Structure formats: C-alpha cells, structure tokens
C-alpha atoms as a PDB file:
ATOM      1  CA  MET A   1      -1.556 -17.722  37.651  1.00  0.00           C
ATOM      2  CA  HIS A   2      -2.437 -14.050  37.299  1.00  0.00           C
ATOM      3  CA  GLY A   3      -0.577 -10.913  36.158  1.00  0.00           C
ATOM      4  CA  ALA A   4       3.201 -11.131  36.518  1.00  0.00           C
ATOM      5  CA  GLY A   5       3.218 -14.671  37.404  1.00  0.00           C
ATOM      6  CA  VAL A   6       1.997 -15.630  33.925  1.00  0.00           C
ATOM      7  CA  LEU A   7       4.686 -13.442  32.211  1.00  0.00           C
ATOM      8  CA  ARG A   8       7.470 -15.051  34.431  1.00  0.00           C
ATOM      9  CA  TYR A   9       6.191 -18.639  33.521  1.00  0.00           C
ATOM     10  CA  ALA A  10       5.921 -17.593  29.791  1.00  0.00           C
ATOM     11  CA  ARG A  11       9.568 -16.397  29.714  1.00  0.00           C
ATOM     12  CA  ARG A  12      10.815 -19.558  31.442  1.00  0.00           C
ATOM     13  CA  PHE A  13       8.846 -22.035  29.277  1.00  0.00           C
ATOM     14  CA  PRO A  14       8.466 -20.285  25.915  1.00  0.00           C
ATOM     15  CA  ILE A  15       5.811 -21.748  23.591  1.00  0.00           C
ATOM     16  CA  PRO A  16       7.374 -24.139  21.108  1.00  0.00           C
ATOM     17  CA  ARG A  17       7.251 -22.947  17.437  1.00  0.00           C
ATOM     18  CA  TYR A  18       7.613 -24.806  14.191  1.00  0.00           C
ATOM     19  CA  ARG A  19       8.333 -22.679  11.100  1.00  0.00           C
ATOM     20  CA  GLY A  20       7.223 -19.549  12.780  1.00  0.00           C
ATOM     21  CA  THR A  21       3.753 -20.830  14.064  1.00  0.00           C
ATOM     22  CA  VAL A  22       2.601 -21.558  17.567  1.00  0.00           C
ATOM     23  CA  MET A  23       2.478 -25.331  17.984  1.00  0.00           C
ATOM     24  CA  SER A  24      -0.664 -27.146  19.525  1.00  0.00           C
ATOM     25  CA  ARG A  25      -0.471 -30.712  20.728  1.00  0.00           C
ATOM     26  CA  ALA A  26      -2.298 -32.125  18.051  1.00  0.00           C
ATOM     27  CA  VAL A  27      -0.994 -33.000  14.539  1.00  0.00           C
ATOM     28  CA  ASN A  28      -2.184 -34.948  11.526  1.00  0.00           C
ATOM     29  CA  ILE A  29       0.436 -37.253   9.890  1.00  0.00           C
ATOM     30  CA  GLN A  30       0.234 -39.534   6.681  1.00  0.00           C
ATOM     31  CA  ALA A  31       1.298 -42.633   8.615  1.00  0.00           C
ATOM     32  CA  THR A  32      -0.325 -45.502  10.468  1.00  0.00           C
ATOM     33  CA  PRO A  33      -0.961 -45.260  14.242  1.00  0.00           C
ATOM     34  CA  ASP A  34       1.352 -48.177  14.673  1.00  0.00           C
ATOM     35  CA  HIS A  35       4.127 -46.402  12.884  1.00  0.00           C
ATOM     36  CA  ILE A  36       3.566 -43.131  14.929  1.00  0.00           C
ATOM     37  CA  THR A  37       3.480 -44.923  18.203  1.00  0.00           C
ATOM     38  CA  GLN A  38       6.832 -46.610  17.486  1.00  0.00           C
ATOM     39  CA  SER A  39       8.306 -43.146  16.368  1.00  0.00           C
ATOM     40  CA  CYS A  40       7.126 -41.482  19.543  1.00  0.00           C
ATOM     41  CA  ALA A  41       8.735 -44.243  21.579  1.00  0.00           C
ATOM     42  CA  LYS A  42      12.040 -43.690  19.852  1.00  0.00           C
ATOM     43  CA  ILE A  43      11.899 -39.820  20.203  1.00  0.00           C
ATOM     44  CA  GLY A  44      10.583 -39.911  23.792  1.00  0.00           C
ATOM     45  CA  ALA A  45       7.273 -38.130  22.998  1.00  0.00           C
ATOM     46  CA  SER A  46       4.310 -39.053  25.006  1.00  0.00           C
ATOM     47  CA  ILE A  47       0.984 -39.891  23.266  1.00  0.00           C
ATOM     48  CA  THR A  48      -2.288 -38.727  24.888  1.00  0.00           C
ATOM     49  CA  ALA A  49      -4.556 -39.977  22.076  1.00  0.00           C
ATOM     50  CA  ILE A  50      -4.223 -41.442  18.648  1.00  0.00           C
ATOM     51  CA  GLU A  51      -6.803 -42.105  15.955  1.00  0.00           C
ATOM     52  CA  ALA A  52      -6.933 -43.261  12.278  1.00  0.00           C
ATOM     53  CA  LEU A  53      -8.367 -40.581   9.956  1.00  0.00           C
ATOM     54  CA  THR A  54     -11.191 -41.371   7.449  1.00  0.00           C
ATOM     55  CA  SER A  55      -9.361 -39.323   4.853  1.00  0.00           C
ATOM     56  CA  GLY A  56      -6.202 -41.244   5.285  1.00  0.00           C
ATOM     57  CA  GLY A  57      -3.344 -40.949   7.849  1.00  0.00           C
ATOM     58  CA  SER A  58      -3.773 -40.393  11.646  1.00  0.00           C
ATOM     59  CA  ARG A  59      -4.387 -37.860  14.197  1.00  0.00           C
ATOM     60  CA  VAL A  60      -2.131 -37.802  17.236  1.00  0.00           C
ATOM     61  CA  VAL A  61      -2.439 -35.758  20.360  1.00  0.00           C
ATOM     62  CA  LEU A  62       0.813 -35.512  22.433  1.00  0.00           C
ATOM     63  CA  SER A  63       1.126 -34.559  25.979  1.00  0.00           C
ATOM     64  CA  ASN A  64       2.853 -31.410  25.379  1.00  0.00           C
ATOM     65  CA  ALA A  65       3.842 -28.932  22.485  1.00  0.00           C
ATOM     66  CA  ALA A  66       7.440 -29.756  22.704  1.00  0.00           C
ATOM     67  CA  GLY A  67       6.649 -33.558  21.824  1.00  0.00           C
ATOM     68  CA  CYS A  68       4.345 -32.322  19.081  1.00  0.00           C
ATOM     69  CA  ALA A  69       7.157 -30.024  17.641  1.00  0.00           C
ATOM     70  CA  ALA A  70       9.645 -33.061  17.830  1.00  0.00           C
ATOM     71  CA  ILE A  71       7.283 -35.507  16.013  1.00  0.00           C
ATOM     72  CA  THR A  72       6.402 -32.744  13.496  1.00  0.00           C
ATOM     73  CA  ARG A  73      10.148 -32.262  12.658  1.00  0.00           C
ATOM     74  CA  HIS A  74      10.530 -36.084  12.492  1.00  0.00           C
ATOM     75  CA  TYR A  75       7.823 -36.620   9.954  1.00  0.00           C
ATOM     76  CA  GLY A  76       8.579 -33.437   7.933  1.00  0.00           C
ATOM     77  CA  SER A  77       6.593 -33.467   4.678  1.00  0.00           C
ATOM     78  CA  LYS A  78       4.265 -36.288   5.938  1.00  0.00           C
ATOM     79  CA  VAL A  79       2.488 -33.736   8.150  1.00  0.00           C
ATOM     80  CA  ILE A  80      -0.923 -33.146   6.773  1.00  0.00           C
ATOM     81  CA  THR A  81      -1.584 -29.370   6.712  1.00  0.00           C
ATOM     82  CA  GLY A  82      -5.012 -29.324   4.942  1.00  0.00           C
ATOM     83  CA  ARG A  83      -8.525 -30.404   6.330  1.00  0.00           C
ATOM     84  CA  VAL A  84      -9.141 -33.915   7.267  1.00  0.00           C
ATOM     85  CA  THR A  85     -12.113 -35.945   7.915  1.00  0.00           C
ATOM     86  CA  ARG A  86     -12.358 -37.519  11.413  1.00  0.00           C
ATOM     87  CA  GLN A  87     -14.584 -40.371  12.645  1.00  0.00           C
ATOM     88  CA  PRO A  88     -16.779 -39.473  15.607  1.00  0.00           C
ATOM     89  CA  LEU A  89     -15.255 -41.082  18.674  1.00  0.00           C
ATOM     90  CA  ARG A  90     -18.635 -41.644  20.371  1.00  0.00           C
ATOM     91  CA  SER A  91     -21.961 -42.427  18.856  1.00  0.00           C
ATOM     92  CA  LEU A  92     -24.894 -39.998  19.585  1.00  0.00           C
ATOM     93  CA  ARG A  93     -27.762 -41.217  21.392  1.00  0.00           C
ATOM     94  CA  GLY A  94     -31.273 -39.994  20.446  1.00  0.00           C
END
C-alpha cells in the first residue's frame, strides 16, 4: 500500500491505544505462561509466542495489537513496565 491507500487503511483500522500510548503486539506480564494462555483463551486473543522471563513473569506476543490491548486491560497492574531479562531462544554456534 502506498500513498492514499495507507491513509484509508489507517482510518478504517486505527492503531489500538492503551492509556494514550500506541500498543505493540508484545507485553510482559507478572504471571505464569499457563495462566496467561488460559486468560487469552477466555478473552479470545490469539498467542503467537510466549516465554518465561529470567527476571520473573512472562513475555507474550499476540497475533494483533487489539488482542494485546485486551490482555493488557485484563491484567492491569500485573503488566511489567520496566526492563526485563530474557533468556536467549537459540544458542549461538561458534
């Protein structure tokens, strides 16, 4: 999409916002991956990836920003806003 097509698309499907900020598809939550998976199933949000964080909690990537906004509202104060420590998903080969 180029030019006017992008603007028409943006007007029809606005970017979800939470508390005035633009949402991404990823969110860090102070909960176990199993609990988050169950909550997403109840809400109807589709998970793309989920991982436990070394610093505690879980990182979840949802299939769209609207699902991320819904799960962020669902967990409220359990959303981790600061920096987190992640484990590498793949080992580096030397």
